[in-house]
Amino acid sequence: MTQEDLADACDVSRSAVAQWETDRAGQLRGNITRIAEALATTVEHLLQGSRAHGDVTGDELALLRLYRGCDPEDRSFLLRTARKLARARE
């Protein structure tokens, strides 16, 4: 992704992205959510790197995102199913 691509995705100028990359003044904190969305990651990952999720893989993050998009009843079903699968592997 180019600076221009990220700038377009975050609705800022390319020079703003260049400032973020070089730790110069800029509204990085004010745009961090948009940056994370544009990069398909989390704010926590941008700020803390792998420490934010331990050894979580891309698939695990994708599963978490799907889970968060479910209604409470489906979340409950998914948790019950995951627990059954985990017990079966023990």
N, C-alpha and C. Protein backbone atom coordinates (compact mmCIF):
# COMPACT_ATOMS: atom_id res chain seq x y z
N MET A 1 0.85 -1.17 0.00
CA MET A 1 0.00 0.00 0.00
C MET A 1 0.90 1.24 0.00
N THR A 2 0.59 2.15 -0.85
CA THR A 2 1.38 3.38 -0.92
C THR A 2 0.88 4.40 0.10
N GLN A 3 1.67 5.43 0.31
CA GLN A 3 1.23 6.52 1.18
C GLN A 3 -0.05 7.13 0.64
N GLU A 4 -0.14 7.27 -0.67
CA GLU A 4 -1.34 7.84 -1.29
C GLU A 4 -2.56 6.97 -1.04
N ASP A 5 -2.37 5.64 -1.15
CA ASP A 5 -3.48 4.71 -0.89
C ASP A 5 -3.99 4.84 0.54
N LEU A 6 -3.05 4.86 1.48
CA LEU A 6 -3.45 4.98 2.89
C LEU A 6 -4.09 6.34 3.15
N ALA A 7 -3.54 7.37 2.55
CA ALA A 7 -4.11 8.72 2.72
C ALA A 7 -5.55 8.75 2.22
N ASP A 8 -5.79 8.16 1.05
CA ASP A 8 -7.15 8.12 0.50
C ASP A 8 -8.09 7.34 1.43
N ALA A 9 -7.61 6.20 1.94
CA ALA A 9 -8.45 5.36 2.81
C ALA A 9 -8.77 6.06 4.12
N CYS A 10 -7.87 6.93 4.58
CA CYS A 10 -8.06 7.62 5.87
C CYS A 10 -8.57 9.04 5.71
N ASP A 11 -8.76 9.46 4.46
CA ASP A 11 -9.25 10.80 4.15
C ASP A 11 -8.33 11.88 4.72
N VAL A 12 -7.03 11.69 4.50
CA VAL A 12 -6.02 12.68 4.90
C VAL A 12 -5.09 12.89 3.70
N SER A 13 -4.16 13.80 3.84
CA SER A 13 -3.20 14.05 2.77
C SER A 13 -2.07 13.03 2.80
N ARG A 14 -1.39 12.87 1.66
CA ARG A 14 -0.24 11.99 1.61
C ARG A 14 0.86 12.48 2.53
N SER A 15 0.99 13.79 2.66
CA SER A 15 2.02 14.33 3.55
C SER A 15 1.73 13.99 5.01
N ALA A 16 0.46 13.86 5.39
CA ALA A 16 0.11 13.45 6.75
C ALA A 16 0.62 12.04 7.01
N VAL A 17 0.45 11.14 6.03
CA VAL A 17 0.93 9.78 6.17
C VAL A 17 2.46 9.78 6.29
N ALA A 18 3.12 10.60 5.49
CA ALA A 18 4.58 10.69 5.57
C ALA A 18 5.01 11.15 6.96
N GLN A 19 4.27 12.07 7.55
CA GLN A 19 4.59 12.53 8.90
C GLN A 19 4.42 11.40 9.91
N TRP A 20 3.38 10.60 9.75
CA TRP A 20 3.18 9.48 10.67
C TRP A 20 4.35 8.51 10.58
N GLU A 21 4.80 8.25 9.38
CA GLU A 21 5.88 7.28 9.18
C GLU A 21 7.21 7.76 9.76
N THR A 22 7.40 9.05 9.84
CA THR A 22 8.68 9.58 10.31
C THR A 22 8.59 10.17 11.71
N ASP A 23 7.51 9.88 12.41
CA ASP A 23 7.31 10.35 13.79
C ASP A 23 7.36 11.86 13.94
N ARG A 24 6.99 12.57 12.89
CA ARG A 24 6.89 14.02 13.00
C ARG A 24 5.48 14.37 13.45
N ALA A 25 5.26 15.64 13.70
CA ALA A 25 3.94 16.10 14.16
C ALA A 25 2.86 15.64 13.18
N GLY A 26 1.75 15.34 13.70
CA GLY A 26 0.62 14.91 12.89
C GLY A 26 -0.47 14.36 13.78
N GLN A 27 -1.61 14.16 13.21
CA GLN A 27 -2.77 13.68 13.98
C GLN A 27 -2.87 12.16 13.93
N LEU A 28 -1.79 11.50 14.29
CA LEU A 28 -1.79 10.03 14.26
C LEU A 28 -2.84 9.46 15.21
N ARG A 29 -2.84 9.89 16.44
CA ARG A 29 -3.81 9.34 17.43
C ARG A 29 -5.24 9.60 17.00
N GLY A 30 -5.50 10.76 16.43
CA GLY A 30 -6.86 11.08 16.01
C GLY A 30 -7.33 10.26 14.82
N ASN A 31 -6.40 9.65 14.11
CA ASN A 31 -6.74 8.87 12.91
C ASN A 31 -6.45 7.39 13.06
N ILE A 32 -6.02 6.96 14.23
CA ILE A 32 -5.54 5.59 14.40
C ILE A 32 -6.61 4.54 14.08
N THR A 33 -7.86 4.83 14.37
CA THR A 33 -8.93 3.87 14.07
C THR A 33 -9.08 3.70 12.57
N ARG A 34 -9.04 4.81 11.84
CA ARG A 34 -9.15 4.73 10.38
C ARG A 34 -7.94 4.03 9.77
N ILE A 35 -6.78 4.26 10.34
CA ILE A 35 -5.57 3.59 9.86
C ILE A 35 -5.70 2.08 10.05
N ALA A 36 -6.13 1.67 11.24
CA ALA A 36 -6.30 0.24 11.52
C ALA A 36 -7.30 -0.39 10.55
N GLU A 37 -8.40 0.29 10.31
CA GLU A 37 -9.40 -0.24 9.38
C GLU A 37 -8.83 -0.36 7.98
N ALA A 38 -8.10 0.65 7.54
CA ALA A 38 -7.52 0.63 6.20
C ALA A 38 -6.50 -0.50 6.04
N LEU A 39 -5.81 -0.83 7.13
CA LEU A 39 -4.80 -1.88 7.09
C LEU A 39 -5.34 -3.24 7.52
N ALA A 40 -6.65 -3.31 7.77
CA ALA A 40 -7.32 -4.56 8.18
C ALA A 40 -6.64 -5.15 9.42
N THR A 41 -6.42 -4.31 10.42
CA THR A 41 -5.84 -4.77 11.67
C THR A 41 -6.55 -4.06 12.82
N THR A 42 -6.02 -4.17 14.00
CA THR A 42 -6.63 -3.52 15.16
C THR A 42 -5.75 -2.37 15.64
N VAL A 43 -6.37 -1.46 16.36
CA VAL A 43 -5.62 -0.36 16.97
C VAL A 43 -4.58 -0.93 17.92
N GLU A 44 -4.96 -1.93 18.68
CA GLU A 44 -4.04 -2.54 19.64
C GLU A 44 -2.79 -3.08 18.94
N HIS A 45 -2.99 -3.71 17.80
CA HIS A 45 -1.85 -4.24 17.07
C HIS A 45 -0.94 -3.12 16.57
N LEU A 46 -1.53 -2.04 16.09
CA LEU A 46 -0.72 -0.91 15.63
C LEU A 46 0.09 -0.31 16.77
N LEU A 47 -0.50 -0.24 17.94
CA LEU A 47 0.17 0.40 19.07
C LEU A 47 1.13 -0.53 19.80
N GLN A 48 0.81 -1.83 19.85
CA GLN A 48 1.60 -2.75 20.66
C GLN A 48 2.24 -3.87 19.87
N GLY A 49 1.93 -4.01 18.62
CA GLY A 49 2.48 -5.09 17.82
C GLY A 49 1.95 -6.43 18.28
N SER A 50 2.76 -7.46 18.18
CA SER A 50 2.31 -8.81 18.53
C SER A 50 2.01 -8.97 20.00
N ARG A 51 2.49 -8.05 20.84
CA ARG A 51 2.19 -8.14 22.27
C ARG A 51 0.70 -7.97 22.54
N ALA A 52 0.00 -7.34 21.61
CA ALA A 52 -1.43 -7.09 21.82
C ALA A 52 -2.24 -8.38 21.81
N HIS A 53 -1.79 -9.37 21.07
CA HIS A 53 -2.56 -10.60 20.93
C HIS A 53 -1.75 -11.85 21.21
N GLY A 54 -0.58 -11.69 21.80
CA GLY A 54 0.25 -12.85 22.04
C GLY A 54 0.64 -13.49 20.73
N ASP A 55 0.39 -14.77 20.60
CA ASP A 55 0.74 -15.48 19.36
C ASP A 55 -0.51 -15.74 18.51
N VAL A 56 -1.43 -14.82 18.50
CA VAL A 56 -2.67 -14.99 17.74
C VAL A 56 -2.36 -14.93 16.25
N THR A 57 -2.92 -15.88 15.51
CA THR A 57 -2.71 -15.93 14.06
C THR A 57 -3.75 -15.11 13.34
N GLY A 58 -3.55 -14.91 12.06
CA GLY A 58 -4.52 -14.19 11.25
C GLY A 58 -5.87 -14.87 11.24
N ASP A 59 -5.87 -16.21 11.20
CA ASP A 59 -7.13 -16.95 11.23
C ASP A 59 -7.87 -16.73 12.54
N GLU A 60 -7.12 -16.69 13.63
CA GLU A 60 -7.76 -16.47 14.93
C GLU A 60 -8.38 -15.08 15.02
N LEU A 61 -7.68 -14.09 14.48
CA LEU A 61 -8.24 -12.74 14.46
C LEU A 61 -9.48 -12.68 13.58
N ALA A 62 -9.43 -13.37 12.45
CA ALA A 62 -10.60 -13.40 11.56
C ALA A 62 -11.78 -14.05 12.26
N LEU A 63 -11.53 -15.12 12.99
CA LEU A 63 -12.59 -15.79 13.75
C LEU A 63 -13.17 -14.86 14.80
N LEU A 64 -12.32 -14.13 15.48
CA LEU A 64 -12.78 -13.18 16.49
C LEU A 64 -13.65 -12.09 15.86
N ARG A 65 -13.24 -11.59 14.71
CA ARG A 65 -14.04 -10.56 14.03
C ARG A 65 -15.42 -11.12 13.65
N LEU A 66 -15.44 -12.35 13.15
CA LEU A 66 -16.72 -12.97 12.81
C LEU A 66 -17.59 -13.14 14.04
N TYR A 67 -16.98 -13.61 15.13
CA TYR A 67 -17.71 -13.80 16.39
C TYR A 67 -18.33 -12.48 16.85
N ARG A 68 -17.56 -11.42 16.79
CA ARG A 68 -18.06 -10.11 17.24
C ARG A 68 -19.23 -9.63 16.39
N GLY A 69 -19.33 -10.11 15.17
CA GLY A 69 -20.42 -9.70 14.30
C GLY A 69 -21.70 -10.50 14.50
N CYS A 70 -21.65 -11.53 15.34
CA CYS A 70 -22.81 -12.38 15.58
C CYS A 70 -23.72 -11.80 16.65
N ASP A 71 -24.98 -12.21 16.59
CA ASP A 71 -25.90 -11.81 17.65
C ASP A 71 -25.62 -12.70 18.88
N PRO A 72 -26.12 -12.32 20.05
CA PRO A 72 -25.82 -13.06 21.30
C PRO A 72 -26.17 -14.55 21.24
N GLU A 73 -27.25 -14.89 20.60
CA GLU A 73 -27.65 -16.30 20.52
C GLU A 73 -26.62 -17.10 19.71
N ASP A 74 -26.18 -16.54 18.59
CA ASP A 74 -25.18 -17.23 17.77
C ASP A 74 -23.83 -17.30 18.49
N ARG A 75 -23.49 -16.25 19.23
CA ARG A 75 -22.25 -16.28 20.01
C ARG A 75 -22.27 -17.42 21.01
N SER A 76 -23.39 -17.59 21.68
CA SER A 76 -23.54 -18.66 22.65
C SER A 76 -23.38 -20.02 21.98
N PHE A 77 -24.00 -20.18 20.82
CA PHE A 77 -23.87 -21.43 20.06
C PHE A 77 -22.42 -21.69 19.68
N LEU A 78 -21.73 -20.67 19.20
CA LEU A 78 -20.33 -20.84 18.80
C LEU A 78 -19.45 -21.22 19.98
N LEU A 79 -19.68 -20.61 21.14
CA LEU A 79 -18.90 -20.96 22.33
C LEU A 79 -19.14 -22.40 22.76
N ARG A 80 -20.41 -22.82 22.76
CA ARG A 80 -20.71 -24.21 23.13
C ARG A 80 -20.03 -25.18 22.17
N THR A 81 -20.08 -24.88 20.88
CA THR A 81 -19.47 -25.74 19.87
C THR A 81 -17.95 -25.79 20.05
N ALA A 82 -17.34 -24.64 20.27
CA ALA A 82 -15.88 -24.60 20.46
C ALA A 82 -15.47 -25.38 21.70
N ARG A 83 -16.25 -25.28 22.77
CA ARG A 83 -15.93 -26.03 23.99
C ARG A 83 -16.03 -27.54 23.75
N LYS A 84 -17.05 -27.96 23.00
CA LYS A 84 -17.19 -29.38 22.67
C LYS A 84 -16.01 -29.86 21.85
N LEU A 85 -15.59 -29.07 20.87
CA LEU A 85 -14.45 -29.44 20.03
C LEU A 85 -13.17 -29.53 20.86
N ALA A 86 -12.99 -28.60 21.78
CA ALA A 86 -11.79 -28.60 22.62
C ALA A 86 -11.77 -29.83 23.52
N ARG A 87 -12.93 -30.19 24.10
CA ARG A 87 -13.00 -31.37 24.96
C ARG A 87 -12.73 -32.65 24.15
N ALA A 88 -13.19 -32.68 22.92
CA ALA A 88 -12.99 -33.88 22.08
C ALA A 88 -11.50 -34.09 21.75
N ARG A 89 -10.73 -33.03 21.76
CA ARG A 89 -9.30 -33.13 21.43
C ARG A 89 -8.46 -33.49 22.64
N GLU A 90 -9.03 -33.43 23.84
CA GLU A 90 -8.26 -33.73 25.07
C GLU A 90 -8.05 -35.20 25.25
